[in-house]
């Protein structure tokens, strides 16, 4: 019989935040690519800046959700 591992509320919330940030990152990446070819929406520079910032925030959230190595 497998043992069910308990997940804390913090782990559940961090997982949800990671999913939301991943969705926002890929949405922003799509807008950045679209802004190269079309003149619809924000300019390329604004989209690229937002994509880079979301990448750093997403990677930070991934590191926060990993268990500490000590």
Protein backbone atom coordinates (compact mmCIF):
# COMPACT_ATOMS: atom_id res chain seq x y z
CA UNK A 1 0.00 0.00 0.00
CA UNK A 2 1.63 3.29 -1.07
CA UNK A 3 2.06 6.02 1.49
CA UNK A 4 0.32 9.27 0.62
CA UNK A 5 2.69 12.21 0.91
CA UNK A 6 1.23 15.25 2.64
CA UNK A 7 1.62 18.55 0.80
CA UNK A 8 1.50 21.77 2.72
CA UNK A 9 -0.65 24.73 1.80
CA UNK A 10 2.52 26.64 0.91
CA UNK A 11 3.54 23.97 -1.62
CA UNK A 12 0.09 24.00 -3.18
CA UNK A 13 0.11 27.80 -3.50
CA UNK A 14 3.64 27.82 -4.96
CA UNK A 15 2.56 25.23 -7.51
CA UNK A 16 -0.38 27.37 -8.57
CA UNK A 17 1.84 30.45 -8.83
CA UNK A 18 4.28 28.50 -11.02
CA UNK A 19 1.46 27.47 -13.36
CA UNK A 20 0.12 31.03 -13.65
CA UNK A 21 3.61 32.44 -14.27
CA UNK A 22 4.31 29.79 -16.91
CA UNK A 23 1.06 30.60 -18.73
CA UNK A 24 1.79 34.34 -18.58
CA UNK A 25 5.36 33.79 -19.79
CA UNK A 26 4.30 31.83 -22.87
CA UNK A 27 1.47 34.29 -23.61
CA UNK A 28 3.94 37.16 -23.43
CA UNK A 29 6.43 35.22 -25.56
CA UNK A 30 3.72 34.75 -28.19
CA UNK A 31 2.95 38.47 -28.14
CA UNK A 32 6.65 39.24 -28.51
CA UNK A 33 6.96 37.02 -31.57
CA UNK A 34 3.72 38.41 -33.02
CA UNK A 35 4.89 42.00 -32.47
CA UNK A 36 7.88 41.35 -34.73
CA UNK A 37 5.67 40.55 -37.72
CA UNK A 38 2.49 42.55 -37.01
CA UNK A 39 1.82 46.03 -35.73
CA UNK A 40 -0.92 44.89 -33.34
CA UNK A 41 -0.63 45.29 -29.58
CA UNK A 42 2.33 46.67 -27.66
CA UNK A 43 5.65 47.42 -29.31
CA UNK A 44 8.34 44.75 -29.61
CA UNK A 45 10.53 46.39 -26.95
CA UNK A 46 7.74 46.43 -24.36
CA UNK A 47 6.87 42.79 -25.08
CA UNK A 48 10.52 41.71 -24.97
CA UNK A 49 11.09 43.51 -21.65
CA UNK A 50 7.99 41.92 -20.11
CA UNK A 51 9.04 38.48 -21.40
CA UNK A 52 12.51 38.79 -19.86
CA UNK A 53 11.10 39.95 -16.52
CA UNK A 54 8.54 37.12 -16.46
CA UNK A 55 11.32 34.64 -17.23
CA UNK A 56 13.32 35.79 -14.20
CA UNK A 57 10.24 35.77 -11.95
CA UNK A 58 9.26 32.29 -13.18
CA UNK A 59 12.75 30.88 -12.55
CA UNK A 60 12.74 32.45 -9.08
CA UNK A 61 9.40 30.81 -8.30
CA UNK A 62 10.77 27.44 -9.43
CA UNK A 63 13.79 27.84 -7.14
CA UNK A 64 11.57 28.85 -4.21
CA UNK A 65 9.39 25.78 -4.63
CA UNK A 66 12.30 23.33 -4.64
CA UNK A 67 13.26 21.86 -1.28
CA UNK A 68 16.35 23.28 0.42
CA UNK A 69 19.53 21.23 0.18
CA UNK A 70 21.26 21.22 3.55
